[in-house]
Protein backbone atom coordinates (compact mmCIF):
# COMPACT_ATOMS: atom_id res chain seq x y z
CA MET A 1 -8.57 -57.20 10.43
CA SER A 2 -5.61 -55.14 9.23
CA PRO A 3 -4.93 -55.28 5.47
CA PHE A 4 -1.27 -55.99 6.32
CA SER A 5 -1.89 -59.28 8.14
CA ASP A 6 -1.21 -61.72 5.28
CA ASN A 7 2.34 -62.84 6.20
CA PRO A 8 2.36 -66.17 8.11
CA GLU A 9 5.90 -65.69 9.48
CA MET A 10 5.65 -62.10 10.70
CA PRO A 11 2.57 -59.94 10.26
CA ALA A 12 3.21 -57.49 7.44
CA GLU A 13 1.86 -54.74 9.68
CA GLU A 14 4.72 -55.41 12.10
CA ILE A 15 7.23 -55.44 9.25
CA ALA A 16 5.93 -52.09 8.03
CA ALA A 17 5.94 -50.59 11.53
CA ARG A 18 9.52 -51.67 12.16
CA LEU A 19 10.66 -50.38 8.76
CA LEU A 20 8.93 -47.07 9.37
CA VAL A 21 11.02 -46.38 12.48
CA THR A 22 14.41 -47.31 10.99
CA ALA A 23 17.19 -44.81 10.36
CA SER A 24 16.38 -44.76 6.63
CA ALA A 25 12.82 -43.70 7.41
CA MET A 26 11.85 -42.03 10.71
CA ASP A 27 13.96 -43.26 13.60
CA ASP A 28 12.59 -40.59 15.94
CA LEU A 29 9.36 -42.58 16.18
CA SER A 30 8.76 -45.48 18.55
CA ILE A 31 7.56 -48.96 17.59
CA PRO A 32 4.09 -48.25 19.08
CA ASP A 33 4.00 -45.05 17.00
CA GLY A 34 4.91 -47.08 13.95
CA PHE A 35 2.10 -49.57 14.54
CA ARG A 36 -0.42 -46.77 14.95
CA ILE A 37 0.69 -44.95 11.79
CA VAL A 38 0.83 -48.12 9.71
CA SER A 39 -2.77 -48.89 10.63
CA TYR A 40 -3.69 -45.82 8.54
CA MET A 41 -1.60 -46.93 5.55
CA ARG A 42 -2.72 -48.97 2.57
CA PRO A 43 -0.57 -51.91 1.32
CA ARG A 44 0.02 -52.58 -2.36
CA ARG A 45 1.90 -55.19 -4.33
CA LEU A 46 3.61 -53.77 -7.39
CA PRO A 47 5.00 -55.73 -10.34
CA ALA A 48 8.41 -54.65 -11.62
CA GLY A 49 8.11 -51.64 -13.91
CA THR A 50 5.19 -50.04 -12.07
CA VAL A 51 5.51 -46.25 -12.00
CA LEU A 52 4.46 -44.87 -8.62
CA PHE A 53 4.50 -41.31 -9.88
CA THR A 54 6.14 -39.27 -12.62
CA GLU A 55 8.22 -36.10 -12.44
CA GLY A 56 5.98 -33.12 -13.06
CA ASP A 57 2.76 -34.94 -12.14
CA ALA A 58 0.31 -32.38 -10.77
CA LYS A 59 -2.63 -34.66 -9.95
CA LYS A 60 -3.22 -37.24 -7.23
CA ASN A 61 0.03 -36.30 -5.51
CA ASP A 62 -1.17 -36.33 -1.91
CA PHE A 63 0.53 -39.53 -0.75
CA MET A 64 3.86 -40.96 0.36
CA VAL A 65 5.18 -44.48 -0.02
CA LEU A 66 7.04 -46.75 2.41
CA VAL A 67 9.01 -49.46 0.61
CA MET A 68 8.56 -52.80 2.39
CA GLU A 69 9.98 -55.23 -0.17
CA GLY A 70 11.87 -54.80 -3.42
CA ASP A 71 13.56 -51.74 -4.91
CA VAL A 72 12.28 -48.42 -6.21
CA SER A 73 14.36 -46.16 -8.46
CA VAL A 74 14.29 -42.37 -8.20
CA GLU A 75 14.91 -40.69 -11.56
CA ARG A 76 15.11 -37.10 -12.76
CA ALA A 77 15.01 -35.60 -16.23
CA MET A 78 18.25 -34.12 -17.51
CA ALA A 79 18.28 -31.13 -19.84
CA GLY A 80 19.35 -32.17 -23.31
CA HIS A 81 18.98 -35.89 -22.59
CA LYS A 82 16.18 -38.15 -23.74
CA ASP A 83 16.47 -40.62 -20.88
CA ASN A 84 16.10 -39.84 -17.19
CA MET A 85 19.08 -40.13 -14.85
CA VAL A 86 18.74 -42.56 -11.94
CA VAL A 87 19.48 -40.54 -8.83
CA SER A 88 19.16 -43.41 -6.35
CA VAL A 89 17.63 -46.82 -5.78
CA MET A 90 15.58 -47.16 -2.60
CA GLY A 91 15.17 -50.48 -0.78
CA PRO A 92 13.08 -51.72 2.16
CA GLY A 93 12.67 -49.10 4.86
CA SER A 94 12.90 -46.20 2.43
CA ILE A 95 10.27 -43.50 2.03
CA VAL A 96 9.54 -41.75 -1.27
CA GLY A 97 7.14 -38.95 -2.12
CA GLU A 98 6.86 -37.61 1.42
CA MET A 99 6.53 -34.02 0.25
CA GLY A 100 3.34 -34.96 -1.57
CA VAL A 101 1.54 -35.92 1.62
CA LEU A 102 2.18 -32.38 2.89
CA ASP A 103 1.62 -30.10 -0.09
CA GLY A 104 0.45 -32.15 -3.09
CA ALA A 105 2.74 -30.09 -5.36
CA PRO A 106 3.98 -31.50 -8.70
CA ARG A 107 6.38 -34.38 -8.23
CA SER A 108 10.08 -33.53 -8.40
CA ALA A 109 11.14 -37.01 -9.58
CA THR A 110 9.90 -40.21 -11.18
CA CYS A 111 9.72 -43.28 -8.96
CA THR A 112 9.49 -46.75 -10.48
CA ALA A 113 9.49 -50.24 -8.98
CA THR A 114 12.61 -51.84 -10.46
CA THR A 115 11.67 -55.22 -8.98
CA ASP A 116 8.44 -56.74 -7.76
CA ALA A 117 7.73 -54.71 -4.65
CA VAL A 118 5.45 -54.35 -1.67
CA VAL A 119 4.75 -50.84 -0.46
CA ALA A 120 2.57 -49.10 2.10
CA ILE A 121 0.85 -45.87 1.08
CA LEU A 122 -0.16 -43.03 3.36
CA THR A 123 -2.52 -40.44 1.85
CA ARG A 124 -3.10 -36.97 3.17
CA THR A 125 -6.71 -37.94 3.94
CA ALA A 126 -5.46 -40.83 6.08
CA LEU A 127 -2.95 -38.51 7.77
CA MET A 128 -5.75 -36.11 8.67
CA ARG A 129 -7.68 -39.03 10.20
CA LEU A 130 -4.60 -40.01 12.19
CA LEU A 131 -4.25 -36.45 13.49
CA ARG A 132 -7.91 -36.41 14.46
CA ASP A 133 -7.95 -39.84 16.10
CA HIS A 134 -4.48 -39.82 17.68
CA PRO A 135 -3.20 -36.23 17.79
CA LYS A 136 -0.08 -37.02 19.83
CA VAL A 137 1.06 -39.77 17.47
CA GLY A 138 0.13 -37.64 14.47
CA SER A 139 2.10 -34.70 15.84
CA ARG A 140 5.18 -36.87 16.43
CA PHE A 141 4.84 -38.21 12.90
CA LEU A 142 4.68 -34.70 11.42
CA LEU A 143 7.69 -33.65 13.49
CA ALA A 144 9.65 -36.69 12.28
CA LEU A 145 8.58 -35.97 8.71
CA SER A 146 9.67 -32.33 9.03
CA LYS A 147 13.04 -33.40 10.44
CA ARG A 148 13.48 -35.83 7.56
CA LEU A 149 12.77 -33.10 5.00
CA ALA A 150 15.12 -30.71 6.82
CA ASP A 151 17.88 -33.34 6.73
CA HIS A 152 17.34 -33.75 2.99
CA LEU A 153 17.50 -29.99 2.50
CA ARG A 154 20.77 -29.76 4.44
CA ALA A 155 22.24 -32.63 2.42
CA THR A 156 21.21 -30.93 -0.83
CA THR A 157 22.73 -27.64 0.36
CA ARG A 158 26.02 -29.41 1.15
CA LYS A 159 26.05 -30.96 -2.33
CA LEU A 160 25.36 -27.59 -3.94
CA ASN A 161 28.17 -25.99 -1.91
CA THR A 162 30.54 -28.77 -2.96
CA PHE A 163 29.49 -28.34 -6.59
CA ALA A 164 30.00 -24.57 -6.37
CA GLN A 165 33.49 -25.07 -4.90
CA MET A 166 34.40 -27.57 -7.61
CA ASN A 167 33.12 -25.19 -10.27
CA LYS A 168 35.18 -22.35 -8.78
CA THR A 169 38.32 -24.52 -8.70
CA LEU A 170 37.82 -25.63 -12.31
CA GLN A 171 37.30 -22.02 -13.40
CA GLU A 172 40.50 -20.97 -11.64
CA GLU A 173 42.42 -23.80 -13.34
CA LEU A 174 40.96 -22.85 -16.70
CA ASN A 175 41.92 -19.21 -16.16
CA LEU A 176 45.48 -20.25 -15.30
CA VAL A 177 45.74 -22.33 -18.46
CA LEU A 178 44.31 -19.57 -20.65
CA HIS A 179 46.48 -16.94 -18.95
CA GLY A 180 49.56 -19.12 -19.38
CA ARG A 181 48.91 -19.48 -23.10
CA THR A 182 48.45 -15.73 -23.42
CA VAL A 183 51.78 -15.11 -21.66
CA LEU A 184 53.59 -17.64 -23.82
CA LYS A 185 52.27 -16.07 -26.98
CA SER A 186 53.18 -12.56 -25.83
CA ASP A 187 56.72 -13.67 -24.94
CA VAL A 188 57.44 -15.04 -28.40
CA LYS A 189 59.36 -12.49 -30.46
CA PRO A 190 59.02 -12.27 -34.20
CA GLY A 191 61.52 -14.58 -35.82
CA SER A 192 61.75 -16.80 -32.74
CA SER A 193 60.22 -20.17 -31.88
CA PRO A 194 58.09 -20.64 -28.73
CA ASP A 195 61.08 -22.28 -26.98
CA GLY A 196 63.10 -19.06 -27.37
CA LYS A 197 65.44 -20.30 -30.13
CA ASP A 198 65.88 -18.16 -33.18
CA LEU A 199 64.08 -19.38 -36.26
CA PRO A 200 66.05 -19.64 -39.49
CA THR A 201 65.63 -16.74 -41.83
CA PHE A 202 65.24 -17.04 -45.58
């Protein structure tokens, strides 16, 4: 029996499969693909405050998480600040930590359950079993995962370009202000006020 089948209204396995193929997750996959992949995932109930993983973690990073119920915050450390900054809050149908299932590199963010949550976890070991047992489904999953990561990279690039443009505009405005002050000061003649009127002499 599947570990997901504990929901009397709709099997949790079906809920997970349908969430997995939504636009917020991997909409290139079919429902049958979702069912197959979910059968290799492990469900977990998390009380609010549970940390799924921490930014910089370099151990046990070979898994990704599908949020089925509740919310998970994504936080990053900010230079010069004691507290992390919440980058986003992910709800049902969201995937976090997908890079870990591919490379197991140190985590780039901290993810915490902000409410009681139900998640489904896919480890790299389980992914390798999926690829061995169902290579076509596994290949489609990897392609969808690669597309998802590429979309994230493009979105990040757009944000960086926007930030660079804003920074350039602010620098130009600052230069104009500083240049304007320099001109005003250079135009003021000894014995005159900045508005051009002669100052009284004593």
